[in-house]
Amino acid sequence: MYSIKELIVYRDFEEHRLFYDFTSLIENCGSNCTDSEEMAEKYYACLHALVEIAASHGFAGNIWHNFLTFLLVSNENAYSRACEIRGEAKGSISRAAYHDFVILKELFSFDLHKLETALHVEGVDLIENFERAEDNGRLFNQRIRNRICELSVHLEEAVDAEAFQKAVTDFYRDFGVGKLGLHKAFRIEHTKRGAEIVPITNIAHVRLDDLVGYEIAKKKLVDNTEAFVEGKRANNCLLFGDAGTGKSSSIKAIANQYYEKGLRLIEIYKHQFQDLNDVIAQIKNRNYKFIIYMDDLSFEDFEIEYKYLKAVIEGGLEKKPDNILIYATSNRRHLIREKFSDKAQLSDDLHNNDTVQEKLSLAARFGVQIYYGAPDKKEFGEIVKTLARTHQVPMGEEELLKEANKWELNHGGRSGRTAQQFIDYLLGKGGNV
């Protein structure tokens, strides 16, 4: 049997201690060692770690194979990065990966019951036939978890190392690798090492079809995004207009709709703009398309963070990478607060027009600007009726609209958000007012 010390490409696994401890048991279980008691203790420690990982990740079936599969889809290396979204890499790096897959396939093929015999331990049936609890597995959403478990089964059934490599490579091509491959959306955390891109595991699964109305606005957003994911020229996008009209939901829907085509969403707040260059440096050479998303973007006249944003969008020596766009939502079309004094002829600022132009220039850097206005009474009624049908609210149309109009008068006016809150209220009351 090969040794994992011979691995070339697939090294330094994130969960390295469990991987190396358990594989050392596999490699040494056939030898007549004198420290079998110590090895048995290590086995049970590994069993504990496997059960903990299975519970936190929602794995089921053969959880040792699930764990190995998780390591393969999480390990960002020269081969996996080359294969993500584009498909199998050729040349020497492919041959080096094949060498590793021969070793890794042996780990999948190893009969774990040999450990029970050699070490006089129990629990292999638990490893091979683990049943998940219905409510566990919070680190991944169900879609990601299922794909890892499905790949695990394919790797178990691979007839040789070539088939094993193809299954892994197909996964990289279809879904990517590492946290950027496994997740749709991310946020930024500032650490001592700089900006860290952290997955958001519970993104709302909204679709554009779920948003009633705004067909022209949604088409503009879809057209720009589709051009982007297809590698064509596309623009930064500003969604502006009244509160509660679906601007943020539209962008979340875009992330869901185009994930399969390699689109990823990174949310960043204006106090984090100083980290923008660091974030871009981490993603510019990956085979994904990234939307840097800024929600409810606006600036008071004394805030200067917008200068970081302007420099990133346009104006620095290094141009913005082709795999990155910036999408923002705002209640203000021009983003930076303007005052009547800005337009006054007499001002303390000797070059007042220059100051005004600087404030307007930020919004001008968004090539596509899409307006989301508050619905009129008829449009609001259509939104309410559509949501009521979707959620099967048992109320007549006349009474429904009457109560919806009363609701919006006391809850911030007509908007998609107000309509949804009204339907949620009815559902909480069992469909009755």
Protein backbone atom coordinates (compact mmCIF):
# COMPACT_ATOMS: atom_id res chain seq x y z
CA MET A 1 0.00 0.00 0.00
CA TYR A 2 1.16 3.52 -0.80
CA SER A 3 1.87 6.03 1.97
CA ILE A 4 0.16 9.41 2.21
CA LYS A 5 3.64 10.86 2.70
CA GLU A 6 4.02 10.33 -1.05
CA LEU A 7 1.22 12.76 -1.92
CA ILE A 8 2.38 15.55 -4.23
CA VAL A 9 -0.53 17.90 -4.93
CA TYR A 10 -3.03 17.02 -2.20
CA ARG A 11 -1.27 17.95 1.02
CA ASP A 12 -1.90 20.20 4.02
CA PHE A 13 -5.54 19.31 4.45
CA GLU A 14 -7.57 21.67 6.61
CA GLU A 15 -8.62 18.90 9.00
CA HIS A 16 -5.09 17.52 8.91
CA ARG A 17 -4.94 15.95 12.35
CA LEU A 18 -7.86 13.58 11.83
CA PHE A 19 -6.72 12.75 8.28
CA TYR A 20 -3.16 11.94 9.29
CA ASP A 21 -4.13 10.12 12.51
CA PHE A 22 -6.68 7.88 10.82
CA THR A 23 -4.52 7.12 7.79
CA SER A 24 -1.62 6.21 10.09
CA LEU A 25 -3.91 3.60 11.68
CA ILE A 26 -4.77 2.24 8.24
CA GLU A 27 -1.14 2.10 7.15
CA ASN A 28 0.05 0.40 10.34
CA CYS A 29 -2.84 -1.89 11.27
CA GLY A 30 -1.20 -4.88 9.53
CA SER A 31 2.07 -4.63 11.43
CA ASN A 32 2.70 -6.53 14.66
CA CYS A 33 3.22 -3.45 16.77
CA THR A 34 3.55 -3.48 20.51
CA ASP A 35 1.57 -0.31 21.12
CA SER A 36 -1.84 -1.68 20.06
CA GLU A 37 -3.44 -0.15 23.17
CA GLU A 38 -2.19 3.29 22.16
CA MET A 39 -3.41 2.72 18.60
CA ALA A 40 -6.83 1.66 19.92
CA GLU A 41 -7.01 4.89 21.89
CA LYS A 42 -6.12 6.85 18.76
CA TYR A 43 -8.80 4.96 16.84
CA TYR A 44 -11.52 5.98 19.29
CA ALA A 45 -10.30 9.58 19.23
CA CYS A 46 -10.60 9.50 15.44
CA LEU A 47 -14.05 7.92 15.68
CA HIS A 48 -15.14 10.74 17.99
CA ALA A 49 -13.79 13.37 15.54
CA LEU A 50 -15.54 11.70 12.59
CA VAL A 51 -18.88 11.65 14.41
CA GLU A 52 -18.50 15.33 15.37
CA ILE A 53 -17.72 16.31 11.78
CA ALA A 54 -20.59 14.21 10.44
CA ALA A 55 -23.00 15.90 12.86
CA SER A 56 -21.80 19.45 12.13
CA HIS A 57 -21.69 18.96 8.34
CA GLY A 58 -24.78 16.76 7.99
CA PHE A 59 -22.94 13.77 6.51
CA ALA A 60 -24.52 10.32 6.28
CA GLY A 61 -23.60 6.87 5.01
CA ASN A 62 -19.86 6.14 5.10
CA ILE A 63 -18.65 9.18 7.03
CA TRP A 64 -14.96 8.32 6.55
CA HIS A 65 -15.53 8.52 2.80
CA ASN A 66 -17.62 11.67 3.30
CA PHE A 67 -14.75 13.22 5.20
CA LEU A 68 -12.19 12.30 2.53
CA THR A 69 -14.51 13.72 -0.13
CA PHE A 70 -14.93 16.91 1.85
CA LEU A 71 -11.15 17.29 1.95
CA LEU A 72 -10.91 16.77 -1.82
CA VAL A 73 -13.54 19.39 -2.65
CA SER A 74 -12.09 21.85 -0.14
CA ASN A 75 -8.40 21.53 -1.02
CA GLU A 76 -7.33 24.48 -3.13
CA ASN A 77 -4.18 23.47 -4.99
CA ALA A 78 -2.63 23.94 -8.43
CA TYR A 79 -4.73 21.15 -9.95
CA SER A 80 -8.10 21.89 -8.35
CA ARG A 81 -7.87 25.62 -9.12
CA ALA A 82 -6.97 24.87 -12.73
CA CYS A 83 -10.02 22.59 -13.07
CA GLU A 84 -12.62 24.79 -11.37
CA ILE A 85 -15.38 25.81 -13.78
CA ARG A 86 -13.13 25.12 -16.84
CA GLY A 87 -12.76 21.35 -16.58
CA GLU A 88 -9.82 18.95 -16.55
CA ALA A 89 -6.34 20.45 -16.60
CA LYS A 90 -3.80 18.79 -18.87
CA GLY A 91 -0.05 18.26 -18.74
CA SER A 92 2.27 17.57 -15.84
CA ILE A 93 -0.09 18.89 -13.17
CA SER A 94 -2.70 16.34 -14.26
CA ARG A 95 -0.16 13.51 -14.03
CA ALA A 96 0.89 14.67 -10.56
CA ALA A 97 -2.77 14.71 -9.47
CA TYR A 98 -3.30 11.22 -10.92
CA HIS A 99 -0.38 9.98 -8.77
CA ASP A 100 -2.22 11.32 -5.71
CA PHE A 101 -5.56 9.87 -6.77
CA VAL A 102 -4.01 6.39 -6.90
CA ILE A 103 -3.11 6.80 -3.22
CA LEU A 104 -6.43 8.37 -2.24
CA LYS A 105 -8.40 5.64 -4.02
CA GLU A 106 -6.63 3.06 -1.85
CA LEU A 107 -7.98 4.88 1.21
CA PHE A 108 -11.49 4.58 -0.21
CA SER A 109 -10.96 0.88 -1.02
CA PHE A 110 -9.51 -0.08 2.36
CA ASP A 111 -11.68 -2.46 4.42
CA LEU A 112 -12.12 -0.69 7.76
CA HIS A 113 -13.11 -3.95 9.46
CA LYS A 114 -9.40 -4.84 9.39
CA LEU A 115 -8.96 -2.15 12.04
CA GLU A 116 -11.44 -3.91 14.32
CA THR A 117 -9.57 -7.19 13.96
CA ALA A 118 -6.09 -5.76 14.36
CA LEU A 119 -6.83 -3.31 17.19
CA HIS A 120 -9.70 -5.16 18.93
CA VAL A 121 -11.97 -2.12 18.62
CA GLU A 122 -15.58 -1.51 17.62
CA GLY A 123 -17.50 1.12 15.68
CA VAL A 124 -16.77 0.46 12.01
CA ASP A 125 -20.47 -0.20 11.33
CA LEU A 126 -21.17 3.23 12.81
CA ILE A 127 -18.63 4.76 10.42
CA GLU A 128 -19.96 2.97 7.37
CA ASN A 129 -23.69 3.38 8.07
CA PHE A 130 -24.07 6.71 9.84
CA GLU A 131 -27.60 8.13 10.03
CA ARG A 132 -27.90 11.89 10.33
CA ALA A 133 -30.39 13.59 12.60
CA GLU A 134 -33.01 15.61 10.76
CA ASP A 135 -31.95 18.98 12.14
CA ASN A 136 -28.16 18.72 12.14
CA GLY A 137 -25.57 19.93 9.67
CA ARG A 138 -25.43 23.70 10.08
CA LEU A 139 -22.06 24.39 8.41
CA PHE A 140 -23.40 23.65 4.92
CA ASN A 141 -26.77 24.11 3.36
CA GLN A 142 -28.55 20.97 2.24
CA ARG A 143 -27.64 21.40 -1.43
CA ILE A 144 -23.89 21.44 -0.76
CA ARG A 145 -24.08 18.60 1.73
CA ASN A 146 -25.96 16.39 -0.71
CA ARG A 147 -23.47 17.02 -3.48
CA ILE A 148 -20.56 16.04 -1.26
CA CYS A 149 -22.35 12.85 -0.21
CA GLU A 150 -23.20 12.03 -3.84
CA LEU A 151 -19.58 12.50 -4.90
CA SER A 152 -18.51 10.28 -1.99
CA VAL A 153 -20.64 7.45 -3.40
CA HIS A 154 -19.20 7.97 -6.90
CA LEU A 155 -15.67 7.73 -5.50
CA GLU A 156 -16.55 4.55 -3.60
CA GLU A 157 -17.76 3.02 -6.88
CA ALA A 158 -14.82 4.20 -9.04
CA VAL A 159 -13.30 1.14 -10.73
CA ASP A 160 -9.81 2.61 -10.94
CA ALA A 161 -7.78 5.77 -10.30
CA GLU A 162 -8.67 7.16 -13.73
CA ALA A 163 -12.40 6.97 -12.96
CA PHE A 164 -11.68 8.40 -9.51
CA GLN A 165 -9.87 11.38 -11.04
CA LYS A 166 -12.67 11.98 -13.54
CA ALA A 167 -15.32 12.10 -10.79
CA VAL A 168 -13.34 14.63 -8.78
CA THR A 169 -12.48 16.72 -11.83
CA ASP A 170 -16.11 16.76 -13.00
CA PHE A 171 -17.08 18.10 -9.58
CA TYR A 172 -14.48 20.89 -9.86
CA ARG A 173 -15.79 21.76 -13.32
CA ASP A 174 -19.44 21.85 -12.24
CA PHE A 175 -19.18 23.37 -8.77
CA GLY A 176 -15.63 24.62 -8.20
CA VAL A 177 -13.35 23.99 -5.24
CA GLY A 178 -12.91 25.29 -1.71
CA LYS A 179 -15.14 27.82 -0.01
CA LEU A 180 -15.56 29.82 -3.23
CA GLY A 181 -16.81 26.73 -5.02
CA LEU A 182 -19.09 25.39 -2.32
CA HIS A 183 -20.87 28.61 -1.35
CA LYS A 184 -22.86 31.28 -3.18
CA ALA A 185 -22.35 34.29 -0.97
CA PHE A 186 -19.69 35.70 1.33
CA ARG A 187 -18.99 38.52 3.76
CA ILE A 188 -15.74 40.18 4.78
CA GLU A 189 -14.05 39.97 8.17
CA HIS A 190 -11.02 42.07 8.98
CA THR A 191 -8.39 40.00 10.77
CA LYS A 192 -4.75 40.51 11.76
CA ARG A 193 -3.82 38.85 8.47
CA GLY A 194 -5.99 41.25 6.48
CA ALA A 195 -9.38 40.82 4.85
CA GLU A 196 -10.82 37.31 5.11
CA ILE A 197 -13.61 36.13 2.80
CA VAL A 198 -16.10 34.19 4.95
CA PRO A 199 -18.97 32.07 3.56
CA ILE A 200 -22.59 32.97 4.32
CA THR A 201 -24.26 29.59 4.80
CA ASN A 202 -27.87 30.74 5.09
CA ILE A 203 -28.59 32.98 2.10
CA ALA A 204 -32.27 33.51 1.29
CA HIS A 205 -33.28 31.22 -1.59
CA VAL A 206 -35.25 33.90 -3.43
CA ARG A 207 -35.75 33.77 -7.21
CA LEU A 208 -36.46 36.64 -9.58
CA ASP A 209 -39.84 35.10 -10.40
CA ASP A 210 -40.73 35.47 -6.71
CA LEU A 211 -40.50 39.27 -7.06
CA VAL A 212 -43.83 40.55 -8.36
CA GLY A 213 -43.66 43.37 -10.90
CA TYR A 214 -40.61 45.44 -11.91
CA GLU A 215 -40.26 43.41 -15.12
CA ILE A 216 -38.30 46.11 -16.97
CA ALA A 217 -35.96 46.61 -14.02
CA LYS A 218 -35.39 42.88 -13.61
CA LYS A 219 -34.69 42.46 -17.33
CA LYS A 220 -32.00 45.15 -17.23
CA LEU A 221 -30.41 43.41 -14.26
CA VAL A 222 -30.60 39.96 -15.90
CA ASP A 223 -29.22 41.20 -19.23
CA ASN A 224 -26.21 42.81 -17.57
CA THR A 225 -25.55 39.79 -15.35
CA GLU A 226 -25.90 37.26 -18.15
CA ALA A 227 -23.41 39.20 -20.27
CA PHE A 228 -21.03 39.15 -17.31
CA VAL A 229 -21.21 35.41 -16.60
CA GLU A 230 -20.85 34.66 -20.31
CA GLY A 231 -17.58 36.58 -20.46
CA LYS A 232 -18.96 39.55 -22.42
CA ARG A 233 -18.59 43.22 -21.54
CA ALA A 234 -20.80 44.28 -18.62
CA ASN A 235 -21.22 47.27 -16.34
CA ASN A 236 -21.24 47.98 -12.64
CA CYS A 237 -24.85 48.24 -11.57
CA LEU A 238 -26.71 50.64 -9.25
CA LEU A 239 -30.24 49.76 -8.12
CA PHE A 240 -31.84 52.87 -6.64
CA GLY A 241 -35.29 53.97 -5.58
CA ASP A 242 -37.82 53.73 -2.82
CA ALA A 243 -37.33 51.56 0.26
CA GLY A 244 -38.81 48.07 0.32
CA THR A 245 -39.19 47.74 -3.44
CA GLY A 246 -37.03 44.63 -3.91
CA LYS A 247 -33.60 46.04 -4.79
CA SER A 248 -31.66 43.83 -2.36
CA SER A 249 -33.88 40.82 -3.06
CA SER A 250 -33.17 41.18 -6.79
CA ILE A 251 -29.44 40.90 -6.23
CA LYS A 252 -29.86 37.90 -3.92
CA ALA A 253 -32.01 36.30 -6.62
CA ILE A 254 -29.26 36.91 -9.18
CA ALA A 255 -26.79 35.07 -6.93
CA ASN A 256 -29.14 32.08 -6.73
CA GLN A 257 -29.98 32.08 -10.42
CA TYR A 258 -26.41 32.17 -11.75
CA TYR A 259 -24.52 30.17 -9.13
CA GLU A 260 -24.37 27.18 -11.46
CA LYS A 261 -22.59 29.37 -14.04
CA GLY A 262 -19.87 30.32 -11.57
CA LEU A 263 -21.30 33.55 -10.16
CA ARG A 264 -20.43 34.41 -6.55
CA LEU A 265 -21.60 37.30 -4.35
CA ILE A 266 -19.37 39.09 -1.83
CA GLU A 267 -21.11 41.53 0.51
CA ILE A 268 -19.07 44.46 1.81
CA TYR A 269 -19.96 47.50 3.91
CA LYS A 270 -18.64 51.00 3.44
CA HIS A 271 -16.51 50.88 6.61
CA GLN A 272 -14.69 47.96 4.93
CA PHE A 273 -13.84 49.77 1.70
CA GLN A 274 -10.22 50.01 2.79
CA ASP A 275 -10.14 46.20 2.40
CA LEU A 276 -11.39 46.27 -1.19
CA ASN A 277 -7.96 45.97 -2.80
CA ASP A 278 -7.11 43.03 -0.52
CA VAL A 279 -10.37 41.28 -1.42
CA ILE A 280 -9.84 41.84 -5.13
CA ALA A 281 -6.29 40.47 -4.91
CA GLN A 282 -7.69 37.21 -3.46
CA ILE A 283 -10.29 36.64 -6.18
CA LYS A 284 -8.95 38.18 -9.38
CA ASN A 285 -7.19 35.03 -10.61
CA ARG A 286 -9.98 32.56 -9.80
CA ASN A 287 -12.21 31.04 -12.47
CA TYR A 288 -15.42 32.49 -11.02
CA LYS A 289 -17.34 35.67 -11.71
CA PHE A 290 -17.67 37.85 -8.62
CA ILE A 291 -20.20 40.53 -7.79
CA ILE A 292 -19.04 42.76 -4.94
CA TYR A 293 -22.35 43.73 -3.36
CA MET A 294 -22.95 46.93 -1.41
CA ASP A 295 -26.38 47.18 0.18
CA ASP A 296 -28.07 50.47 1.10
CA LEU A 297 -25.07 52.47 -0.10
CA SER A 298 -25.04 56.19 0.67
CA PHE A 299 -22.69 58.74 2.14
CA GLU A 300 -23.09 61.86 4.20
CA ASP A 301 -21.17 64.85 2.92
CA PHE A 302 -18.50 64.47 5.63
CA GLU A 303 -17.82 60.78 4.89
CA ILE A 304 -14.83 60.07 2.65
CA GLU A 305 -15.05 56.26 2.26
CA TYR A 306 -16.49 56.80 -1.22
CA LYS A 307 -13.02 57.82 -2.38
CA TYR A 308 -11.80 54.22 -1.82
CA LEU A 309 -14.70 52.99 -3.93
CA LYS A 310 -14.04 55.44 -6.74
CA ALA A 311 -10.39 54.40 -6.90
CA VAL A 312 -11.32 50.72 -7.15
CA ILE A 313 -14.04 51.15 -9.76
CA GLU A 314 -12.00 53.37 -12.01
CA GLY A 315 -8.89 55.45 -11.84
CA GLY A 316 -6.12 53.30 -10.33
CA LEU A 317 -3.05 52.15 -12.22
CA GLU A 318 -4.25 48.53 -12.07
CA LYS A 319 -7.57 48.13 -13.84
CA LYS A 320 -10.41 46.25 -12.19
CA PRO A 321 -10.21 42.55 -13.14
CA ASP A 322 -12.64 41.29 -15.79
CA ASN A 323 -14.14 38.71 -13.39
CA ILE A 324 -15.37 41.35 -10.93
CA LEU A 325 -18.32 43.75 -11.03
CA ILE A 326 -19.77 45.99 -8.34
CA TYR A 327 -23.52 45.99 -7.67
CA ALA A 328 -24.99 48.44 -5.18
CA THR A 329 -28.42 49.34 -3.86
CA SER A 330 -29.36 52.76 -2.55
CA ASN A 331 -32.33 54.97 -1.81
CA ARG A 332 -30.29 57.83 -3.31
CA ARG A 333 -29.56 58.02 -7.01
CA HIS A 334 -26.41 60.08 -6.53
CA LEU A 335 -25.26 58.16 -3.41
CA ILE A 336 -23.66 61.17 -1.69
CA ARG A 337 -25.86 63.59 0.21
CA GLU A 338 -26.36 66.90 -1.54
CA LYS A 339 -27.46 70.20 0.02
CA PHE A 340 -28.83 73.41 -1.48
CA SER A 341 -25.58 75.07 -0.42
CA ASP A 342 -23.74 72.80 -2.84
CA LYS A 343 -25.46 74.63 -5.70
CA ALA A 344 -25.17 78.10 -4.21
CA GLN A 345 -23.19 80.61 -6.18
CA LEU A 346 -21.50 81.94 -3.06
CA SER A 347 -19.68 79.32 -1.05
CA ASP A 348 -16.66 78.90 1.15
CA ASP A 349 -15.39 76.51 -1.52
CA LEU A 350 -13.68 78.57 -4.24
CA HIS A 351 -14.18 75.73 -6.73
CA ASN A 352 -17.71 74.79 -5.78
CA ASN A 353 -18.55 73.23 -9.14
CA ASP A 354 -15.59 70.85 -8.78
CA THR A 355 -16.90 69.73 -5.40
CA VAL A 356 -20.37 69.05 -6.81
CA GLN A 357 -18.94 67.12 -9.76
CA GLU A 358 -16.81 64.99 -7.44
CA LYS A 359 -19.93 63.95 -5.52
CA LEU A 360 -21.85 63.14 -8.70
CA SER A 361 -18.97 61.23 -10.27
CA LEU A 362 -19.35 58.21 -8.00
CA ALA A 363 -22.82 57.34 -9.30
CA ALA A 364 -21.61 57.94 -12.85
CA ARG A 365 -19.17 55.06 -12.46
CA PHE A 366 -22.14 52.66 -12.41
CA GLY A 367 -22.80 52.10 -16.11
CA VAL A 368 -26.23 50.55 -15.48
CA GLN A 369 -28.61 52.40 -13.19
CA ILE A 370 -31.98 50.77 -12.51
CA TYR A 371 -34.90 52.52 -10.84
CA TYR A 372 -37.20 50.69 -8.40
CA GLY A 373 -40.18 52.93 -7.60
CA ALA A 374 -42.95 52.44 -5.08
CA PRO A 375 -45.97 50.69 -6.67
CA ASP A 376 -49.22 52.53 -7.26
CA LYS A 377 -52.44 51.28 -5.68
CA LYS A 378 -53.21 48.83 -8.52
CA GLU A 379 -49.67 47.44 -8.61
CA PHE A 380 -49.66 47.07 -4.84
CA GLY A 381 -52.90 45.11 -5.06
CA GLU A 382 -51.40 42.77 -7.65
CA ILE A 383 -48.40 42.14 -5.40
CA VAL A 384 -50.68 41.34 -2.46
CA LYS A 385 -52.87 39.00 -4.51
CA THR A 386 -49.87 37.16 -5.95
CA LEU A 387 -48.29 36.68 -2.53
CA ALA A 388 -51.63 35.53 -1.11
CA ARG A 389 -51.96 32.89 -3.83
CA THR A 390 -48.37 31.76 -3.33
CA HIS A 391 -48.89 31.32 0.41
CA GLN A 392 -52.48 30.02 0.01
CA VAL A 393 -54.06 32.67 2.22
CA PRO A 394 -57.76 31.70 2.65
CA MET A 395 -59.33 35.14 2.18
CA GLY A 396 -61.58 36.62 -0.47
CA GLU A 397 -60.01 39.10 -2.88
CA GLU A 398 -62.19 42.07 -1.88
CA GLU A 399 -61.53 41.63 1.82
CA LEU A 400 -57.85 40.92 1.17
CA LEU A 401 -57.31 44.18 -0.72
CA LYS A 402 -59.35 46.16 1.80
CA GLU A 403 -57.23 44.91 4.69
CA ALA A 404 -54.00 45.35 2.68
CA ASN A 405 -54.82 49.01 2.06
CA LYS A 406 -55.51 49.54 5.76
CA TRP A 407 -52.25 47.79 6.59
CA GLU A 408 -50.06 49.89 4.29
CA LEU A 409 -51.46 53.13 5.68
CA ASN A 410 -50.09 52.21 9.10
CA HIS A 411 -46.92 50.42 8.04
CA GLY A 412 -44.79 52.64 5.86
CA GLY A 413 -46.79 52.96 2.64
CA ARG A 414 -47.04 50.80 -0.47
CA SER A 415 -44.04 48.56 -1.25
CA GLY A 416 -43.23 44.92 -1.88
CA ARG A 417 -41.84 44.70 1.64
CA THR A 418 -45.06 46.06 3.14
CA ALA A 419 -47.09 43.55 1.12
CA GLN A 420 -44.94 40.67 2.34
CA GLN A 421 -45.24 41.86 5.94
CA PHE A 422 -49.02 41.99 5.55
CA ILE A 423 -49.11 38.40 4.22
CA ASP A 424 -46.82 37.26 7.05
CA TYR A 425 -49.22 38.89 9.50
CA LEU A 426 -52.16 37.02 7.98
CA LEU A 427 -50.28 33.72 8.04
CA GLY A 428 -49.45 34.30 11.69
CA LYS A 429 -53.16 34.78 12.35
CA GLY A 430 -54.04 31.60 10.45
CA GLY A 431 -55.14 33.54 7.36
CA ASN A 432 -57.66 35.71 9.23
CA VAL A 433 -57.49 39.34 10.29
